Amino acid sequence: MGYKLNLNKSKMYALMSAVNNNLPLVHKCDFSHHHSCYWMSYQHPVTGDYIRVTVTPVLGDTIICFRNESEGTDYLIEHFSIQYLMKHGMLREVSA
């Protein structure tokens, strides 16, 4: 058995909110994904900078990265365990 991220816009926003409470309202965020990588982008509510958040599974871990596209820098990187994601319905088992 393997695992696959199971995110939609609201689950992605909840994951982002777990590490950063300075977010705009969810309807002001753009959500997209390709295979197992997910993106959410928004304009920072205070600075106006364009922010892109990426969630990627890596070797049994899941990494969330906040990137300031206006400055070209990553400013917040966190890891989430499989257990956390399963508990919150953000991961599902798939057959190999």
PDB file of N, CA and C in Angstrom:
ATOM      1  N   MET A   1       0.818  -1.183   0.000  1.00  0.00           N
ATOM      2  CA  MET A   1       0.000   0.000   0.000  1.00  0.00           C
ATOM      3  C   MET A   1       0.869   1.257   0.000  1.00  0.00           C
ATOM      4  N   GLY A   2       0.394   2.258  -0.709  1.00  0.00           N
ATOM      5  CA  GLY A   2       1.049   3.554  -0.714  1.00  0.00           C
ATOM      6  C   GLY A   2       0.064   4.619  -0.277  1.00  0.00           C
ATOM      7  N   TYR A   3       0.513   5.844  -0.264  1.00  0.00           N
ATOM      8  CA  TYR A   3      -0.331   6.959   0.138  1.00  0.00           C
ATOM      9  C   TYR A   3      -0.309   8.041  -0.924  1.00  0.00           C
ATOM     10  N   LYS A   4      -1.414   8.760  -1.019  1.00  0.00           N
ATOM     11  CA  LYS A   4      -1.520   9.854  -1.969  1.00  0.00           C
ATOM     12  C   LYS A   4      -2.197  11.029  -1.267  1.00  0.00           C
ATOM     13  N   LEU A   5      -1.694  12.236  -1.527  1.00  0.00           N
ATOM     14  CA  LEU A   5      -2.341  13.416  -0.963  1.00  0.00           C
ATOM     15  C   LEU A   5      -3.761  13.525  -1.491  1.00  0.00           C
ATOM     16  N   ASN A   6      -4.655  13.939  -0.642  1.00  0.00           N
ATOM     17  CA  ASN A   6      -6.064  14.069  -0.986  1.00  0.00           C
ATOM     18  C   ASN A   6      -6.514  15.472  -0.562  1.00  0.00           C
ATOM     19  N   LEU A   7      -6.049  16.486  -1.298  1.00  0.00           N
ATOM     20  CA  LEU A   7      -6.327  17.866  -0.926  1.00  0.00           C
ATOM     21  C   LEU A   7      -7.301  18.514  -1.898  1.00  0.00           C
ATOM     22  N   ASN A   8      -8.130  19.382  -1.361  1.00  0.00           N
ATOM     23  CA  ASN A   8      -8.931  20.292  -2.162  1.00  0.00           C
ATOM     24  C   ASN A   8      -8.626  21.686  -1.614  1.00  0.00           C
ATOM     25  N   LYS A   9      -9.314  22.687  -2.092  1.00  0.00           N
ATOM     26  CA  LYS A   9      -8.994  24.056  -1.683  1.00  0.00           C
ATOM     27  C   LYS A   9      -9.148  24.266  -0.175  1.00  0.00           C
ATOM     28  N   SER A  10     -10.219  23.751   0.418  1.00  0.00           N
ATOM     29  CA  SER A  10     -10.429  23.969   1.853  1.00  0.00           C
ATOM     30  C   SER A  10      -9.429  23.183   2.711  1.00  0.00           C
ATOM     31  N   LYS A  11      -9.080  21.962   2.296  1.00  0.00           N
ATOM     32  CA  LYS A  11      -8.088  21.185   3.049  1.00  0.00           C
ATOM     33  C   LYS A  11      -6.702  21.815   2.929  1.00  0.00           C
ATOM     34  N   MET A  12      -6.369  22.323   1.747  1.00  0.00           N
ATOM     35  CA  MET A  12      -5.086  23.004   1.547  1.00  0.00           C
ATOM     36  C   MET A  12      -5.025  24.249   2.429  1.00  0.00           C
ATOM     37  N   TYR A  13      -6.112  24.993   2.481  1.00  0.00           N
ATOM     38  CA  TYR A  13      -6.160  26.197   3.314  1.00  0.00           C
ATOM     39  C   TYR A  13      -5.996  25.830   4.791  1.00  0.00           C
ATOM     40  N   ALA A  14      -6.620  24.742   5.220  1.00  0.00           N
ATOM     41  CA  ALA A  14      -6.492  24.285   6.608  1.00  0.00           C
ATOM     42  C   ALA A  14      -5.045  23.902   6.917  1.00  0.00           C
ATOM     43  N   LEU A  15      -4.385  23.266   5.987  1.00  0.00           N
ATOM     44  CA  LEU A  15      -2.979  22.891   6.167  1.00  0.00           C
ATOM     45  C   LEU A  15      -2.107  24.141   6.268  1.00  0.00           C
ATOM     46  N   MET A  16      -2.362  25.116   5.399  1.00  0.00           N
ATOM     47  CA  MET A  16      -1.624  26.380   5.452  1.00  0.00           C
ATOM     48  C   MET A  16      -1.867  27.094   6.780  1.00  0.00           C
ATOM     49  N   SER A  17      -3.103  27.084   7.249  1.00  0.00           N
ATOM     50  CA  SER A  17      -3.465  27.760   8.501  1.00  0.00           C
ATOM     51  C   SER A  17      -2.808  27.113   9.721  1.00  0.00           C
ATOM     52  N   ALA A  18      -2.461  25.845   9.607  1.00  0.00           N
ATOM     53  CA  ALA A  18      -1.799  25.151  10.717  1.00  0.00           C
ATOM     54  C   ALA A  18      -0.407  25.714  10.991  1.00  0.00           C
ATOM     55  N   VAL A  19       0.209  26.358   9.998  1.00  0.00           N
ATOM     56  CA  VAL A  19       1.562  26.897  10.185  1.00  0.00           C
ATOM     57  C   VAL A  19       1.646  28.411  10.021  1.00  0.00           C
ATOM     58  N   ASN A  20       0.595  29.040   9.484  1.00  0.00           N
ATOM     59  CA  ASN A  20       0.641  30.476   9.241  1.00  0.00           C
ATOM     60  C   ASN A  20      -0.761  31.052   9.435  1.00  0.00           C
ATOM     61  N   ASN A  21      -0.922  31.941  10.393  1.00  0.00           N
ATOM     62  CA  ASN A  21      -2.248  32.508  10.647  1.00  0.00           C
ATOM     63  C   ASN A  21      -2.448  33.872   9.985  1.00  0.00           C
ATOM     64  N   ASN A  22      -1.514  34.296   9.164  1.00  0.00           N
ATOM     65  CA  ASN A  22      -1.610  35.579   8.472  1.00  0.00           C
ATOM     66  C   ASN A  22      -2.007  35.344   7.015  1.00  0.00           C
ATOM     67  N   LEU A  23      -3.214  34.787   6.810  1.00  0.00           N
ATOM     68  CA  LEU A  23      -3.677  34.436   5.471  1.00  0.00           C
ATOM     69  C   LEU A  23      -4.917  35.249   5.104  1.00  0.00           C
ATOM     70  N   PRO A  24      -5.123  35.462   3.819  1.00  0.00           N
ATOM     71  CA  PRO A  24      -6.369  36.114   3.393  1.00  0.00           C
ATOM     72  C   PRO A  24      -7.522  35.108   3.493  1.00  0.00           C
ATOM     73  N   LEU A  25      -8.730  35.545   3.247  1.00  0.00           N
ATOM     74  CA  LEU A  25      -9.865  34.633   3.222  1.00  0.00           C
ATOM     75  C   LEU A  25      -9.668  33.611   2.110  1.00  0.00           C
ATOM     76  N   VAL A  26     -10.183  32.406   2.315  1.00  0.00           N
ATOM     77  CA  VAL A  26      -9.951  31.303   1.382  1.00  0.00           C
ATOM     78  C   VAL A  26     -10.422  31.630  -0.036  1.00  0.00           C
ATOM     79  N   HIS A  27     -11.495  32.384  -0.183  1.00  0.00           N
ATOM     80  CA  HIS A  27     -11.996  32.681  -1.529  1.00  0.00           C
ATOM     81  C   HIS A  27     -11.071  33.622  -2.312  1.00  0.00           C
ATOM     82  N   LYS A  28     -10.085  34.223  -1.631  1.00  0.00           N
ATOM     83  CA  LYS A  28      -9.122  35.090  -2.309  1.00  0.00           C
ATOM     84  C   LYS A  28      -7.861  34.333  -2.719  1.00  0.00           C
ATOM     85  N   CYS A  29      -7.849  33.012  -2.518  1.00  0.00           N
ATOM     86  CA  CYS A  29      -6.704  32.177  -2.865  1.00  0.00           C
ATOM     87  C   CYS A  29      -7.002  31.387  -4.136  1.00  0.00           C
ATOM     88  N   ASP A  30      -5.975  31.182  -4.955  1.00  0.00           N
ATOM     89  CA  ASP A  30      -6.087  30.358  -6.157  1.00  0.00           C
ATOM     90  C   ASP A  30      -5.467  28.998  -5.861  1.00  0.00           C
ATOM     91  N   PHE A  31      -6.178  27.930  -6.188  1.00  0.00           N
ATOM     92  CA  PHE A  31      -5.750  26.562  -5.885  1.00  0.00           C
ATOM     93  C   PHE A  31      -5.559  25.779  -7.181  1.00  0.00           C
ATOM     94  N   SER A  32      -4.481  25.005  -7.246  1.00  0.00           N
ATOM     95  CA  SER A  32      -4.274  24.110  -8.388  1.00  0.00           C
ATOM     96  C   SER A  32      -3.401  22.936  -7.948  1.00  0.00           C
ATOM     97  N   HIS A  33      -3.357  21.900  -8.779  1.00  0.00           N
ATOM     98  CA  HIS A  33      -2.501  20.752  -8.486  1.00  0.00           C
ATOM     99  C   HIS A  33      -2.172  20.014  -9.777  1.00  0.00           C
ATOM    100  N   HIS A  34      -1.102  19.251  -9.698  1.00  0.00           N
ATOM    101  CA  HIS A  34      -0.680  18.397 -10.804  1.00  0.00           C
ATOM    102  C   HIS A  34      -0.065  17.150 -10.189  1.00  0.00           C
ATOM    103  N   HIS A  35      -0.628  16.001 -10.479  1.00  0.00           N
ATOM    104  CA  HIS A  35      -0.216  14.725  -9.881  1.00  0.00           C
ATOM    105  C   HIS A  35      -0.237  14.842  -8.359  1.00  0.00           C
ATOM    106  N   SER A  36       0.914  14.770  -7.711  1.00  0.00           N
ATOM    107  CA  SER A  36       0.929  14.774  -6.246  1.00  0.00           C
ATOM    108  C   SER A  36       1.424  16.098  -5.658  1.00  0.00           C
ATOM    109  N   CYS A  37       1.555  17.134  -6.471  1.00  0.00           N
ATOM    110  CA  CYS A  37       1.995  18.437  -5.978  1.00  0.00           C
ATOM    111  C   CYS A  37       0.818  19.417  -6.017  1.00  0.00           C
ATOM    112  N   TYR A  38       0.654  20.177  -4.948  1.00  0.00           N
ATOM    113  CA  TYR A  38      -0.466  21.105  -4.821  1.00  0.00           C
ATOM    114  C   TYR A  38       0.061  22.518  -4.595  1.00  0.00           C
ATOM    115  N   TRP A  39      -0.636  23.516  -5.168  1.00  0.00           N
ATOM    116  CA  TRP A  39      -0.250  24.910  -5.018  1.00  0.00           C
ATOM    117  C   TRP A  39      -1.439  25.749  -4.588  1.00  0.00           C
ATOM    118  N   MET A  40      -1.158  26.762  -3.805  1.00  0.00           N
ATOM    119  CA  MET A  40      -2.152  27.778  -3.473  1.00  0.00           C
ATOM    120  C   MET A  40      -1.400  29.105  -3.544  1.00  0.00           C
ATOM    121  N   SER A  41      -1.975  30.062  -4.217  1.00  0.00           N
ATOM    122  CA  SER A  41      -1.334  31.367  -4.305  1.00  0.00           C
ATOM    123  C   SER A  41      -2.309  32.445  -3.872  1.00  0.00           C
ATOM    124  N   TYR A  42      -1.735  33.521  -3.345  1.00  0.00           N
ATOM    125  CA  TYR A  42      -2.540  34.635  -2.861  1.00  0.00           C
ATOM    126  C   TYR A  42      -1.674  35.878  -2.747  1.00  0.00           C
ATOM    127  N   GLN A  43      -2.337  37.009  -2.574  1.00  0.00           N
ATOM    128  CA  GLN A  43      -1.634  38.257  -2.325  1.00  0.00           C
ATOM    129  C   GLN A  43      -1.621  38.485  -0.818  1.00  0.00           C
ATOM    130  N   HIS A  44      -0.436  38.736  -0.262  1.00  0.00           N
ATOM    131  CA  HIS A  44      -0.295  38.923   1.183  1.00  0.00           C
ATOM    132  C   HIS A  44      -1.184  40.085   1.630  1.00  0.00           C
ATOM    133  N   PRO A  45      -1.995  39.869   2.694  1.00  0.00           N
ATOM    134  CA  PRO A  45      -2.955  40.898   3.100  1.00  0.00           C
ATOM    135  C   PRO A  45      -2.332  42.204   3.604  1.00  0.00           C
ATOM    136  N   VAL A  46      -1.087  42.163   4.071  1.00  0.00           N
ATOM    137  CA  VAL A  46      -0.457  43.370   4.607  1.00  0.00           C
ATOM    138  C   VAL A  46       0.528  43.994   3.616  1.00  0.00           C
ATOM    139  N   THR A  47       1.446  43.174   3.104  1.00  0.00           N
ATOM    140  CA  THR A  47       2.506  43.705   2.243  1.00  0.00           C
ATOM    141  C   THR A  47       2.115  43.803   0.776  1.00  0.00           C
ATOM    142  N   GLY A  48       1.104  43.031   0.370  1.00  0.00           N
ATOM    143  CA  GLY A  48       0.716  43.021  -1.042  1.00  0.00           C
ATOM    144  C   GLY A  48       1.584  42.124  -1.908  1.00  0.00           C
ATOM    145  N   ASP A  49       2.570  41.442  -1.303  1.00  0.00           N
ATOM    146  CA  ASP A  49       3.445  40.539  -2.056  1.00  0.00           C
ATOM    147  C   ASP A  49       2.664  39.324  -2.543  1.00  0.00           C
ATOM    148  N   TYR A  50       3.099  38.773  -3.674  1.00  0.00           N
ATOM    149  CA  TYR A  50       2.495  37.573  -4.238  1.00  0.00           C
ATOM    150  C   TYR A  50       3.139  36.354  -3.569  1.00  0.00           C
ATOM    151  N   ILE A  51       2.330  35.509  -2.931  1.00  0.00           N
ATOM    152  CA  ILE A  51       2.813  34.342  -2.184  1.00  0.00           C
ATOM    153  C   ILE A  51       2.309  33.070  -2.862  1.00  0.00           C
ATOM    154  N   ARG A  52       3.204  32.095  -3.025  1.00  0.00           N
ATOM    155  CA  ARG A  52       2.837  30.780  -3.539  1.00  0.00           C
ATOM    156  C   ARG A  52       3.200  29.742  -2.482  1.00  0.00           C
ATOM    157  N   VAL A  53       2.234  28.903  -2.154  1.00  0.00           N
ATOM    158  CA  VAL A  53       2.432  27.842  -1.168  1.00  0.00           C
ATOM    159  C   VAL A  53       2.386  26.511  -1.904  1.00  0.00           C
ATOM    160  N   THR A  54       3.395  25.689  -1.685  1.00  0.00           N
ATOM    161  CA  THR A  54       3.496  24.391  -2.347  1.00  0.00           C
ATOM    162  C   THR A  54       3.472  23.287  -1.301  1.00  0.00           C
ATOM    163  N   VAL A  55       2.695  22.241  -1.560  1.00  0.00           N
ATOM    164  CA  VAL A  55       2.676  21.053  -0.700  1.00  0.00           C
ATOM    165  C   VAL A  55       3.106  19.868  -1.548  1.00  0.00           C
ATOM    166  N   THR A  56       4.174  19.187  -1.105  1.00  0.00           N
ATOM    167  CA  THR A  56       4.761  18.090  -1.864  1.00  0.00           C
ATOM    168  C   THR A  56       5.088  16.925  -0.932  1.00  0.00           C
ATOM    169  N   PRO A  57       4.695  15.702  -1.294  1.00  0.00           N
ATOM    170  CA  PRO A  57       5.106  14.538  -0.495  1.00  0.00           C
ATOM    171  C   PRO A  57       6.547  14.145  -0.844  1.00  0.00           C
ATOM    172  N   VAL A  58       7.343  13.870   0.198  1.00  0.00           N
ATOM    173  CA  VAL A  58       8.738  13.487  -0.008  1.00  0.00           C
ATOM    174  C   VAL A  58       9.106  12.400   0.992  1.00  0.00           C
ATOM    175  N   LEU A  59       9.356  11.192   0.522  1.00  0.00           N
ATOM    176  CA  LEU A  59       9.848  10.082   1.341  1.00  0.00           C
ATOM    177  C   LEU A  59       9.126   9.918   2.681  1.00  0.00           C
ATOM    178  N   GLY A  60       7.837   9.717   2.645  1.00  0.00           N
ATOM    179  CA  GLY A  60       7.066   9.474   3.858  1.00  0.00           C
ATOM    180  C   GLY A  60       6.782  10.722   4.676  1.00  0.00           C
ATOM    181  N   ASP A  61       7.143  11.862   4.163  1.00  0.00           N
ATOM    182  CA  ASP A  61       6.927  13.136   4.829  1.00  0.00           C
ATOM    183  C   ASP A  61       6.214  14.040   3.837  1.00  0.00           C
ATOM    184  N   THR A  62       5.602  15.086   4.297  1.00  0.00           N
ATOM    185  CA  THR A  62       4.991  16.057   3.402  1.00  0.00           C
ATOM    186  C   THR A  62       5.523  17.426   3.775  1.00  0.00           C
ATOM    187  N   ILE A  63       5.996  18.149   2.781  1.00  0.00           N
ATOM    188  CA  ILE A  63       6.606  19.452   3.007  1.00  0.00           C
ATOM    189  C   ILE A  63       5.682  20.542   2.479  1.00  0.00           C
ATOM    190  N   ILE A  64       5.468  21.566   3.303  1.00  0.00           N
ATOM    191  CA  ILE A  64       4.742  22.751   2.868  1.00  0.00           C
ATOM    192  C   ILE A  64       5.736  23.911   2.854  1.00  0.00           C
ATOM    193  N   CYS A  65       5.747  24.641   1.756  1.00  0.00           N
ATOM    194  CA  CYS A  65       6.713  25.713   1.582  1.00  0.00           C
ATOM    195  C   CYS A  65       5.993  26.990   1.158  1.00  0.00           C
ATOM    196  N   PHE A  66       6.198  28.054   1.909  1.00  0.00           N
ATOM    197  CA  PHE A  66       5.671  29.377   1.564  1.00  0.00           C
ATOM    198  C   PHE A  66       6.781  30.143   0.850  1.00  0.00           C
ATOM    199  N   ARG A  67       6.487  30.631  -0.347  1.00  0.00           N
ATOM    200  CA  ARG A  67       7.486  31.347  -1.139  1.00  0.00           C
ATOM    201  C   ARG A  67       6.960  32.728  -1.504  1.00  0.00           C
ATOM    202  N   ASN A  68       7.763  33.738  -1.224  1.00  0.00           N
ATOM    203  CA  ASN A  68       7.440  35.094  -1.616  1.00  0.00           C
ATOM    204  C   ASN A  68       7.916  35.278  -3.052  1.00  0.00           C
ATOM    205  N   GLU A  69       7.000  35.203  -3.999  1.00  0.00           N
ATOM    206  CA  GLU A  69       7.355  35.311  -5.416  1.00  0.00           C
ATOM    207  C   GLU A  69       7.826  36.716  -5.772  1.00  0.00           C
ATOM    208  N   SER A  70       7.385  37.715  -5.032  1.00  0.00           N
ATOM    209  CA  SER A  70       7.810  39.092  -5.287  1.00  0.00           C
ATOM    210  C   SER A  70       9.299  39.266  -5.000  1.00  0.00           C
ATOM    211  N   GLU A  71       9.805  38.561  -3.974  1.00  0.00           N
ATOM    212  CA  GLU A  71      11.212  38.656  -3.589  1.00  0.00           C
ATOM    213  C   GLU A  71      12.036  37.460  -4.064  1.00  0.00           C
ATOM    214  N   GLY A  72      11.366  36.367  -4.444  1.00  0.00           N
ATOM    215  CA  GLY A  72      12.074  35.169  -4.883  1.00  0.00           C
ATOM    216  C   GLY A  72      12.694  34.379  -3.750  1.00  0.00           C
ATOM    217  N   THR A  73      12.054  34.416  -2.564  1.00  0.00           N
ATOM    218  CA  THR A  73      12.628  33.719  -1.411  1.00  0.00           C
ATOM    219  C   THR A  73      11.587  32.827  -0.726  1.00  0.00           C
ATOM    220  N   ASP A  74      12.056  31.692  -0.205  1.00  0.00           N
ATOM    221  CA  ASP A  74      11.231  30.834   0.639  1.00  0.00           C
ATOM    222  C   ASP A  74      11.341  31.378   2.054  1.00  0.00           C
ATOM    223  N   TYR A  75      10.211  31.528   2.748  1.00  0.00           N
ATOM    224  CA  TYR A  75      10.299  32.089   4.092  1.00  0.00           C
ATOM    225  C   TYR A  75       9.695  31.217   5.174  1.00  0.00           C
ATOM    226  N   LEU A  76       9.031  30.136   4.802  1.00  0.00           N
ATOM    227  CA  LEU A  76       8.479  29.241   5.815  1.00  0.00           C
ATOM    228  C   LEU A  76       8.382  27.846   5.219  1.00  0.00           C
ATOM    229  N   ILE A  77       9.077  26.902   5.834  1.00  0.00           N
ATOM    230  CA  ILE A  77       9.047  25.511   5.381  1.00  0.00           C
ATOM    231  C   ILE A  77       8.747  24.638   6.595  1.00  0.00           C
ATOM    232  N   GLU A  78       7.715  23.814   6.480  1.00  0.00           N
ATOM    233  CA  GLU A  78       7.319  22.927   7.580  1.00  0.00           C
ATOM    234  C   GLU A  78       7.105  21.518   7.045  1.00  0.00           C
ATOM    235  N   HIS A  79       7.188  20.535   7.943  1.00  0.00           N
ATOM    236  CA  HIS A  79       6.967  19.138   7.608  1.00  0.00           C
ATOM    237  C   HIS A  79       5.722  18.635   8.332  1.00  0.00           C
ATOM    238  N   PHE A  80       4.953  17.793   7.657  1.00  0.00           N
ATOM    239  CA  PHE A  80       3.783  17.156   8.259  1.00  0.00           C
ATOM    240  C   PHE A  80       3.946  15.644   8.147  1.00  0.00           C
ATOM    241  N   SER A  81       3.622  14.941   9.211  1.00  0.00           N
ATOM    242  CA  SER A  81       3.739  13.483   9.216  1.00  0.00           C
ATOM    243  C   SER A  81       2.541  12.848   8.524  1.00  0.00           C
ATOM    244  N   ILE A  82       2.716  11.608   8.120  1.00  0.00           N
ATOM    245  CA  ILE A  82       1.623  10.833   7.522  1.00  0.00           C
ATOM    246  C   ILE A  82       0.459  10.744   8.506  1.00  0.00           C
ATOM    247  N   GLN A  83       0.764  10.556   9.777  1.00  0.00           N
ATOM    248  CA  GLN A  83      -0.278  10.426  10.791  1.00  0.00           C
ATOM    249  C   GLN A  83      -1.139  11.691  10.881  1.00  0.00           C
ATOM    250  N   TYR A  84      -0.507  12.858  10.836  1.00  0.00           N
ATOM    251  CA  TYR A  84      -1.255  14.125  10.888  1.00  0.00           C
ATOM    252  C   TYR A  84      -2.184  14.234   9.690  1.00  0.00           C
ATOM    253  N   LEU A  85      -1.666  13.954   8.507  1.00  0.00           N
ATOM    254  CA  LEU A  85      -2.453  14.075   7.285  1.00  0.00           C
ATOM    255  C   LEU A  85      -3.604  13.066   7.255  1.00  0.00           C
ATOM    256  N   MET A  86      -3.353  11.834   7.696  1.00  0.00           N
ATOM    257  CA  MET A  86      -4.411  10.816   7.745  1.00  0.00           C
ATOM    258  C   MET A  86      -5.509  11.236   8.726  1.00  0.00           C
ATOM    259  N   LYS A  87      -5.110  11.736   9.883  1.00  0.00           N
ATOM    260  CA  LYS A  87      -6.062  12.150  10.910  1.00  0.00           C
ATOM    261  C   LYS A  87      -6.997  13.245  10.398  1.00  0.00           C
ATOM    262  N   HIS A  88      -6.497  14.117   9.535  1.00  0.00           N
ATOM    263  CA  HIS A  88      -7.270  15.247   9.030  1.00  0.00           C
ATOM    264  C   HIS A  88      -7.853  14.999   7.631  1.00  0.00           C
ATOM    265  N   GLY A  89      -7.815  13.753   7.164  1.00  0.00           N
ATOM    266  CA  GLY A  89      -8.420  13.410   5.882  1.00  0.00           C
ATOM    267  C   GLY A  89      -7.708  13.990   4.667  1.00  0.00           C
ATOM    268  N   MET A  90      -6.430  14.242   4.801  1.00  0.00           N
ATOM    269  CA  MET A  90      -5.665  14.854   3.711  1.00  0.00           C
ATOM    270  C   MET A  90      -4.785  13.861   2.976  1.00  0.00           C
ATOM    271  N   LEU A  91      -4.886  12.612   3.355  1.00  0.00           N
ATOM    272  CA  LEU A  91      -4.065  11.561   2.751  1.00  0.00           C
ATOM    273  C   LEU A  91      -4.937  10.323   2.621  1.00  0.00           C
ATOM    274  N   ARG A  92      -4.743   9.582   1.547  1.00  0.00           N
ATOM    275  CA  ARG A  92      -5.510   8.342   1.407  1.00  0.00           C
ATOM    276  C   ARG A  92      -4.587   7.232   0.923  1.00  0.00           C
ATOM    277  N   GLU A  93      -4.960   6.002   1.273  1.00  0.00           N
ATOM    278  CA  GLU A  93      -4.180   4.845   0.860  1.00  0.00           C
ATOM    279  C   GLU A  93      -4.538   4.487  -0.575  1.00  0.00           C
ATOM    280  N   VAL A  94      -3.537   4.087  -1.334  1.00  0.00           N
ATOM    281  CA  VAL A  94      -3.741   3.632  -2.703  1.00  0.00           C
ATOM    282  C   VAL A  94      -2.975   2.328  -2.885  1.00  0.00           C
ATOM    283  N   SER A  95      -3.472   1.468  -3.752  1.00  0.00           N
ATOM    284  CA  SER A  95      -2.765   0.214  -4.016  1.00  0.00           C
ATOM    285  C   SER A  95      -1.567   0.493  -4.920  1.00  0.00           C
ATOM    286  N   ALA A  96      -0.527  -0.242  -4.710  1.00  0.00           N
ATOM    287  CA  ALA A  96       0.724  -0.028  -5.449  1.00  0.00           C
ATOM    288  C   ALA A  96       0.640  -0.429  -6.890  1.00  0.00           C
TER     289      ALA A  96
END
